[in-house]
């Protein structure tokens, strides 16, 4: 199958390069193309290409099955701050992921970033973007 794919690839490259040389398909090339009869293997390859996406054909199922999708590191986070449905989960998520490093550097176990300042900054940036329009 691999050998057949390589042969088909080189035939296509040769056909394209010959067609590009004189910028037309010759009668001989057209006859060769029309005379071509697909074998069972060729039809199988064609069906595979037409019925599957590139992603489906390119993925190696053995590697995919062996992949460990569990986390290998656990970050000490302390108390997690809650956004309480304010619609700014991205700010709180970012700050909660930075908090353990700040807690480690400062030694303050109950350290929290100012939620008011982060929300104010987000709104301020939105207003600046709006005013620049």
N, C-alpha and C. Protein backbone atom coordinates (compact mmCIF):
# COMPACT_ATOMS: atom_id res chain seq x y z
N UNK A 1 0.83 -1.18 0.00
CA UNK A 1 0.00 0.00 0.00
C UNK A 1 0.87 1.24 0.00
N UNK A 2 1.92 1.23 0.82
CA UNK A 2 2.83 2.37 0.88
C UNK A 2 3.55 2.53 -0.45
N UNK A 3 3.95 1.40 -1.03
CA UNK A 3 4.66 1.43 -2.32
C UNK A 3 3.75 2.00 -3.41
N UNK A 4 2.49 1.59 -3.39
CA UNK A 4 1.53 2.08 -4.37
C UNK A 4 1.30 3.58 -4.21
N UNK A 5 1.22 4.04 -2.97
CA UNK A 5 1.04 5.47 -2.72
C UNK A 5 2.22 6.26 -3.24
N UNK A 6 3.42 5.75 -3.05
CA UNK A 6 4.62 6.43 -3.53
C UNK A 6 4.62 6.49 -5.06
N UNK A 7 4.23 5.39 -5.69
CA UNK A 7 4.19 5.36 -7.16
C UNK A 7 3.16 6.36 -7.69
N UNK A 8 1.97 6.37 -7.08
CA UNK A 8 0.94 7.32 -7.50
C UNK A 8 1.42 8.76 -7.32
N UNK A 9 2.10 9.02 -6.21
CA UNK A 9 2.63 10.36 -5.95
C UNK A 9 3.60 10.78 -7.04
N UNK A 10 4.54 9.90 -7.39
CA UNK A 10 5.52 10.25 -8.42
C UNK A 10 4.88 10.40 -9.80
N UNK A 11 3.88 9.59 -10.10
CA UNK A 11 3.18 9.73 -11.38
C UNK A 11 2.48 11.08 -11.44
N UNK A 12 1.85 11.48 -10.36
CA UNK A 12 1.19 12.78 -10.33
C UNK A 12 2.19 13.92 -10.48
N UNK A 13 3.31 13.83 -9.79
CA UNK A 13 4.36 14.86 -9.90
C UNK A 13 4.87 14.93 -11.33
N UNK A 14 5.12 13.77 -11.92
CA UNK A 14 5.62 13.73 -13.30
C UNK A 14 4.59 14.33 -14.26
N UNK A 15 3.32 13.98 -14.05
CA UNK A 15 2.26 14.51 -14.91
C UNK A 15 2.17 16.03 -14.79
N UNK A 16 2.22 16.52 -13.58
CA UNK A 16 2.13 17.97 -13.37
C UNK A 16 3.34 18.68 -13.96
N UNK A 17 4.52 18.11 -13.76
CA UNK A 17 5.72 18.77 -14.29
C UNK A 17 5.74 18.75 -15.81
N UNK A 18 5.28 17.65 -16.41
CA UNK A 18 5.22 17.61 -17.88
C UNK A 18 4.17 18.57 -18.42
N UNK A 19 3.05 18.65 -17.74
CA UNK A 19 2.01 19.58 -18.18
C UNK A 19 2.46 21.02 -18.01
N UNK A 20 3.23 21.28 -16.98
CA UNK A 20 3.71 22.65 -16.75
C UNK A 20 4.78 23.04 -17.75
N UNK A 21 5.51 22.06 -18.29
CA UNK A 21 6.59 22.37 -19.22
C UNK A 21 6.06 23.02 -20.49
N UNK A 22 5.02 22.44 -21.09
CA UNK A 22 4.46 23.05 -22.30
C UNK A 22 3.07 23.64 -22.05
N UNK A 23 2.66 23.65 -20.79
CA UNK A 23 1.42 24.28 -20.33
C UNK A 23 0.16 23.69 -20.96
N UNK A 24 0.22 22.46 -21.37
CA UNK A 24 -0.97 21.80 -21.89
C UNK A 24 -0.85 20.30 -21.69
N UNK A 25 -1.98 19.64 -21.72
CA UNK A 25 -1.99 18.18 -21.63
C UNK A 25 -1.94 17.64 -23.05
N UNK A 26 -0.95 16.80 -23.28
CA UNK A 26 -0.81 16.24 -24.63
C UNK A 26 -1.86 15.14 -24.85
N UNK A 27 -2.03 14.76 -26.10
CA UNK A 27 -2.98 13.69 -26.42
C UNK A 27 -2.55 12.38 -25.80
N UNK A 28 -1.24 12.15 -25.77
CA UNK A 28 -0.73 10.91 -25.17
C UNK A 28 -1.05 10.86 -23.68
N UNK A 29 -0.85 11.98 -23.01
CA UNK A 29 -1.15 12.02 -21.58
C UNK A 29 -2.64 11.79 -21.33
N UNK A 30 -3.47 12.40 -22.14
CA UNK A 30 -4.91 12.24 -22.01
C UNK A 30 -5.33 10.79 -22.25
N UNK A 31 -4.70 10.15 -23.23
CA UNK A 31 -5.00 8.74 -23.50
C UNK A 31 -4.57 7.87 -22.33
N UNK A 32 -3.39 8.15 -21.76
CA UNK A 32 -2.93 7.38 -20.60
C UNK A 32 -3.89 7.52 -19.42
N UNK A 33 -4.38 8.73 -19.22
CA UNK A 33 -5.30 8.97 -18.11
C UNK A 33 -6.62 8.25 -18.34
N UNK A 34 -7.14 8.30 -19.56
CA UNK A 34 -8.43 7.65 -19.85
C UNK A 34 -8.32 6.13 -19.88
N UNK A 35 -7.17 5.59 -20.20
CA UNK A 35 -6.97 4.13 -20.23
C UNK A 35 -6.79 3.55 -18.83
N UNK A 36 -6.50 4.37 -17.87
CA UNK A 36 -6.21 3.90 -16.51
C UNK A 36 -7.41 3.17 -15.93
N UNK A 37 -7.18 1.97 -15.45
CA UNK A 37 -8.20 1.16 -14.79
C UNK A 37 -7.77 0.96 -13.34
N UNK A 38 -8.59 1.41 -12.43
CA UNK A 38 -8.26 1.30 -11.01
C UNK A 38 -8.36 -0.14 -10.54
N UNK A 39 -7.36 -0.59 -9.82
CA UNK A 39 -7.38 -1.92 -9.22
C UNK A 39 -8.14 -1.85 -7.90
N UNK A 40 -8.29 -2.98 -7.26
CA UNK A 40 -8.97 -3.01 -5.97
C UNK A 40 -8.28 -2.15 -4.93
N UNK A 41 -6.94 -2.20 -4.93
CA UNK A 41 -6.18 -1.38 -3.97
C UNK A 41 -6.36 0.10 -4.27
N UNK A 42 -6.34 0.45 -5.55
CA UNK A 42 -6.51 1.86 -5.93
C UNK A 42 -7.88 2.38 -5.50
N UNK A 43 -8.91 1.55 -5.69
CA UNK A 43 -10.26 1.96 -5.30
C UNK A 43 -10.35 2.12 -3.78
N UNK A 44 -9.68 1.24 -3.06
CA UNK A 44 -9.66 1.34 -1.60
C UNK A 44 -9.02 2.65 -1.16
N UNK A 45 -7.91 3.01 -1.79
CA UNK A 45 -7.24 4.27 -1.47
C UNK A 45 -8.13 5.46 -1.81
N UNK A 46 -8.77 5.41 -2.96
CA UNK A 46 -9.67 6.49 -3.36
C UNK A 46 -10.83 6.64 -2.38
N UNK A 47 -11.44 5.52 -2.00
CA UNK A 47 -12.54 5.57 -1.04
C UNK A 47 -12.09 6.15 0.30
N UNK A 48 -10.89 5.76 0.71
CA UNK A 48 -10.36 6.27 1.97
C UNK A 48 -10.21 7.78 1.92
N UNK A 49 -9.68 8.30 0.82
CA UNK A 49 -9.49 9.74 0.69
C UNK A 49 -10.81 10.49 0.59
N UNK A 50 -11.79 9.93 -0.08
CA UNK A 50 -13.06 10.63 -0.27
C UNK A 50 -13.96 10.58 0.96
N UNK A 51 -13.86 9.52 1.76
CA UNK A 51 -14.79 9.35 2.86
C UNK A 51 -14.23 9.74 4.22
N UNK A 52 -12.95 10.08 4.30
CA UNK A 52 -12.34 10.43 5.58
C UNK A 52 -11.64 11.77 5.48
N UNK A 53 -11.51 12.41 6.62
CA UNK A 53 -10.78 13.67 6.65
C UNK A 53 -9.28 13.38 6.73
N UNK A 54 -8.50 14.38 6.45
CA UNK A 54 -7.04 14.23 6.54
C UNK A 54 -6.66 13.90 7.97
N UNK A 55 -7.32 14.52 8.94
CA UNK A 55 -7.02 14.27 10.35
C UNK A 55 -7.25 12.80 10.69
N UNK A 56 -8.33 12.22 10.21
CA UNK A 56 -8.64 10.82 10.49
C UNK A 56 -7.58 9.90 9.90
N UNK A 57 -7.11 10.22 8.71
CA UNK A 57 -6.12 9.36 8.06
C UNK A 57 -4.72 9.57 8.63
N UNK A 58 -4.43 10.78 9.11
CA UNK A 58 -3.08 11.09 9.56
C UNK A 58 -2.80 10.63 10.98
N UNK A 59 -3.84 10.49 11.78
CA UNK A 59 -3.62 10.15 13.18
C UNK A 59 -3.22 8.69 13.32
N UNK A 60 -2.28 8.45 14.20
CA UNK A 60 -1.83 7.09 14.50
C UNK A 60 -2.62 6.60 15.71
N UNK A 61 -3.54 5.65 15.55
CA UNK A 61 -4.39 5.24 16.66
C UNK A 61 -3.62 4.64 17.83
N UNK A 62 -2.48 3.99 17.57
CA UNK A 62 -1.70 3.40 18.66
C UNK A 62 -1.17 4.49 19.59
N UNK A 63 -0.65 5.56 19.01
CA UNK A 63 -0.14 6.66 19.82
C UNK A 63 -1.29 7.35 20.55
N UNK A 64 -2.41 7.50 19.86
CA UNK A 64 -3.57 8.15 20.46
C UNK A 64 -4.08 7.36 21.66
N UNK A 65 -4.10 6.02 21.56
CA UNK A 65 -4.57 5.18 22.67
C UNK A 65 -3.62 5.21 23.85
N UNK A 66 -2.31 5.33 23.58
CA UNK A 66 -1.31 5.31 24.65
C UNK A 66 -1.18 6.66 25.36
N UNK A 67 -1.78 7.72 24.79
CA UNK A 67 -1.64 9.05 25.37
C UNK A 67 -2.29 9.12 26.74
N UNK A 68 -1.57 9.67 27.69
CA UNK A 68 -2.09 9.84 29.04
C UNK A 68 -2.73 11.22 29.12
N UNK A 69 -4.04 11.25 29.27
CA UNK A 69 -4.73 12.54 29.30
C UNK A 69 -4.95 13.05 30.72
N UNK A 70 -4.33 12.41 31.68
CA UNK A 70 -4.43 12.87 33.06
C UNK A 70 -3.28 13.83 33.34
N UNK A 71 -3.50 14.70 34.29
CA UNK A 71 -2.47 15.68 34.63
C UNK A 71 -1.33 15.02 35.37
N UNK A 72 -0.10 15.44 35.06
CA UNK A 72 1.06 14.86 35.71
C UNK A 72 1.58 15.74 36.85
N UNK A 73 1.15 16.99 36.91
CA UNK A 73 1.58 17.90 37.96
C UNK A 73 0.36 18.52 38.64
N UNK A 74 0.44 18.65 39.94
CA UNK A 74 -0.63 19.30 40.68
C UNK A 74 -0.09 20.58 41.28
N UNK A 75 -0.77 21.67 41.03
CA UNK A 75 -0.34 22.97 41.53
C UNK A 75 -1.04 23.24 42.86
N UNK A 76 -0.27 23.65 43.86
CA UNK A 76 -0.86 24.03 45.14
C UNK A 76 -1.54 25.38 44.93
N UNK A 77 -2.83 25.41 45.17
CA UNK A 77 -3.56 26.64 44.84
C UNK A 77 -4.13 27.37 46.04
N UNK A 78 -4.32 26.72 47.14
CA UNK A 78 -4.96 27.40 48.26
C UNK A 78 -6.43 27.63 47.95
N UNK A 79 -6.99 28.69 48.52
CA UNK A 79 -8.40 29.00 48.26
C UNK A 79 -8.54 29.60 46.87
N UNK A 80 -9.56 29.19 46.17
CA UNK A 80 -9.83 29.70 44.83
C UNK A 80 -10.82 30.86 44.95
N UNK A 81 -10.52 31.96 44.27
CA UNK A 81 -11.45 33.09 44.29
C UNK A 81 -12.58 32.82 43.31
N UNK A 82 -13.74 33.32 43.63
CA UNK A 82 -14.94 33.04 42.85
C UNK A 82 -15.39 34.30 42.11
N UNK A 83 -15.64 34.19 40.84
CA UNK A 83 -16.09 35.35 40.06
C UNK A 83 -17.57 35.65 40.27
N UNK A 84 -18.33 34.70 40.80
CA UNK A 84 -19.75 34.85 41.10
C UNK A 84 -20.55 35.37 39.92
N UNK A 85 -20.47 34.71 38.78
CA UNK A 85 -21.27 35.00 37.59
C UNK A 85 -21.10 36.43 37.05
N UNK A 86 -19.90 36.99 37.17
CA UNK A 86 -19.67 38.34 36.65
C UNK A 86 -19.30 38.32 35.18
N UNK A 87 -19.05 37.14 34.61
CA UNK A 87 -18.70 37.06 33.20
C UNK A 87 -17.23 37.32 32.93
N UNK A 88 -16.44 37.27 33.95
CA UNK A 88 -15.02 37.53 33.78
C UNK A 88 -14.18 36.34 34.25
N UNK A 89 -14.62 35.15 33.89
CA UNK A 89 -13.94 33.94 34.35
C UNK A 89 -12.50 33.89 33.84
N UNK A 90 -12.24 34.49 32.69
CA UNK A 90 -10.89 34.48 32.13
C UNK A 90 -9.93 35.25 33.02
N UNK A 91 -10.41 36.35 33.64
CA UNK A 91 -9.54 37.12 34.56
C UNK A 91 -9.27 36.28 35.80
N UNK A 92 -10.33 35.72 36.37
CA UNK A 92 -10.17 34.96 37.60
C UNK A 92 -9.35 33.69 37.36
N UNK A 93 -9.55 33.06 36.22
CA UNK A 93 -8.75 31.88 35.89
C UNK A 93 -7.28 32.21 35.79
N UNK A 94 -6.96 33.32 35.13
CA UNK A 94 -5.55 33.73 35.00
C UNK A 94 -4.97 34.08 36.36
N UNK A 95 -5.70 34.85 37.15
CA UNK A 95 -5.19 35.24 38.47
C UNK A 95 -5.05 34.03 39.39
N UNK A 96 -6.00 33.10 39.32
CA UNK A 96 -5.91 31.89 40.15
C UNK A 96 -4.73 31.02 39.76
N UNK A 97 -4.33 31.05 38.49
CA UNK A 97 -3.17 30.25 38.09
C UNK A 97 -1.86 30.93 38.48
N UNK A 98 -1.87 32.25 38.64
CA UNK A 98 -0.65 32.98 39.05
C UNK A 98 -0.51 33.00 40.57
N UNK A 99 -1.62 32.95 41.29
CA UNK A 99 -1.62 33.07 42.75
C UNK A 99 -0.64 32.15 43.46
N UNK A 100 -0.53 30.86 43.12
CA UNK A 100 0.39 30.00 43.87
C UNK A 100 1.84 30.49 43.82
N UNK A 101 2.25 31.05 42.70
CA UNK A 101 3.62 31.54 42.59
C UNK A 101 3.83 32.78 43.45
N UNK A 102 2.83 33.65 43.50
CA UNK A 102 2.92 34.85 44.34
C UNK A 102 2.90 34.46 45.81
N UNK A 103 2.05 33.50 46.16
CA UNK A 103 1.99 33.03 47.55
C UNK A 103 3.34 32.44 47.96
N UNK A 104 3.96 31.69 47.07
CA UNK A 104 5.26 31.10 47.36
C UNK A 104 6.33 32.18 47.55
N UNK A 105 6.31 33.21 46.71
CA UNK A 105 7.32 34.29 46.79
C UNK A 105 7.11 35.16 48.03
N UNK A 106 5.85 35.49 48.35
CA UNK A 106 5.58 36.41 49.46
C UNK A 106 5.44 35.69 50.80
N UNK A 107 5.07 34.43 50.77
CA UNK A 107 4.89 33.68 52.01
C UNK A 107 3.54 33.93 52.67
N UNK A 108 2.66 34.67 52.02
CA UNK A 108 1.33 34.94 52.57
C UNK A 108 0.36 33.89 52.04
N UNK A 109 -0.11 33.03 52.94
CA UNK A 109 -0.94 31.90 52.51
C UNK A 109 -2.34 32.31 52.07
N UNK A 110 -2.85 33.43 52.56
CA UNK A 110 -4.20 33.85 52.19
C UNK A 110 -4.18 35.04 51.22
N UNK A 111 -3.16 35.12 50.39
CA UNK A 111 -3.03 36.21 49.42
C UNK A 111 -4.10 36.11 48.35
N UNK A 112 -4.69 37.25 48.00
CA UNK A 112 -5.65 37.32 46.89
C UNK A 112 -5.37 38.58 46.09
N UNK A 113 -5.47 38.47 44.78
CA UNK A 113 -5.39 39.65 43.93
C UNK A 113 -6.67 40.46 44.11
N UNK A 114 -6.57 41.76 43.93
CA UNK A 114 -7.73 42.62 44.06
C UNK A 114 -8.69 42.37 42.89
N UNK A 115 -9.87 41.88 43.23
CA UNK A 115 -10.86 41.64 42.19
C UNK A 115 -11.38 42.95 41.62
N UNK A 116 -11.48 43.96 42.46
CA UNK A 116 -11.97 45.26 41.99
C UNK A 116 -11.03 45.86 40.95
N UNK A 117 -9.74 45.78 41.22
CA UNK A 117 -8.77 46.35 40.28
C UNK A 117 -8.77 45.58 38.96
N UNK A 118 -8.85 44.26 39.04
CA UNK A 118 -8.84 43.48 37.80
C UNK A 118 -10.08 43.76 36.95
N UNK A 119 -11.24 43.89 37.59
CA UNK A 119 -12.47 44.19 36.86
C UNK A 119 -12.42 45.61 36.31
N UNK A 120 -11.93 46.56 37.13
CA UNK A 120 -11.80 47.94 36.66
C UNK A 120 -10.88 48.02 35.45
N UNK A 121 -9.74 47.31 35.51
CA UNK A 121 -8.78 47.33 34.41
C UNK A 121 -9.40 46.75 33.14
N UNK A 122 -10.14 45.66 33.28
CA UNK A 122 -10.78 45.05 32.11
C UNK A 122 -11.78 46.01 31.48
N UNK A 123 -12.60 46.65 32.31
CA UNK A 123 -13.58 47.62 31.78
C UNK A 123 -12.89 48.83 31.17
N UNK A 124 -11.84 49.29 31.79
CA UNK A 124 -11.09 50.44 31.30
C UNK A 124 -10.52 50.15 29.90
N UNK A 125 -9.95 48.95 29.74
CA UNK A 125 -9.41 48.58 28.43
C UNK A 125 -10.51 48.51 27.38
N UNK A 126 -11.67 47.98 27.74
CA UNK A 126 -12.79 47.93 26.80
C UNK A 126 -13.22 49.33 26.38
N UNK A 127 -13.25 50.26 27.34
CA UNK A 127 -13.64 51.63 27.02
C UNK A 127 -12.63 52.30 26.09
N UNK A 128 -11.36 52.05 26.32
CA UNK A 128 -10.32 52.62 25.46
C UNK A 128 -10.47 52.08 24.04
N UNK A 129 -10.70 50.79 23.92
CA UNK A 129 -10.89 50.19 22.59
C UNK A 129 -12.13 50.78 21.92
N UNK A 130 -13.21 50.97 22.69
CA UNK A 130 -14.43 51.55 22.13
C UNK A 130 -14.19 52.99 21.66
N UNK A 131 -13.46 53.77 22.45
CA UNK A 131 -13.22 55.17 22.10
C UNK A 131 -12.28 55.32 20.91
N UNK A 132 -11.42 54.34 20.68
CA UNK A 132 -10.50 54.41 19.54
C UNK A 132 -11.20 54.12 18.22
N UNK A 133 -12.39 53.58 18.26
CA UNK A 133 -13.12 53.25 17.02
C UNK A 133 -13.60 54.46 16.36
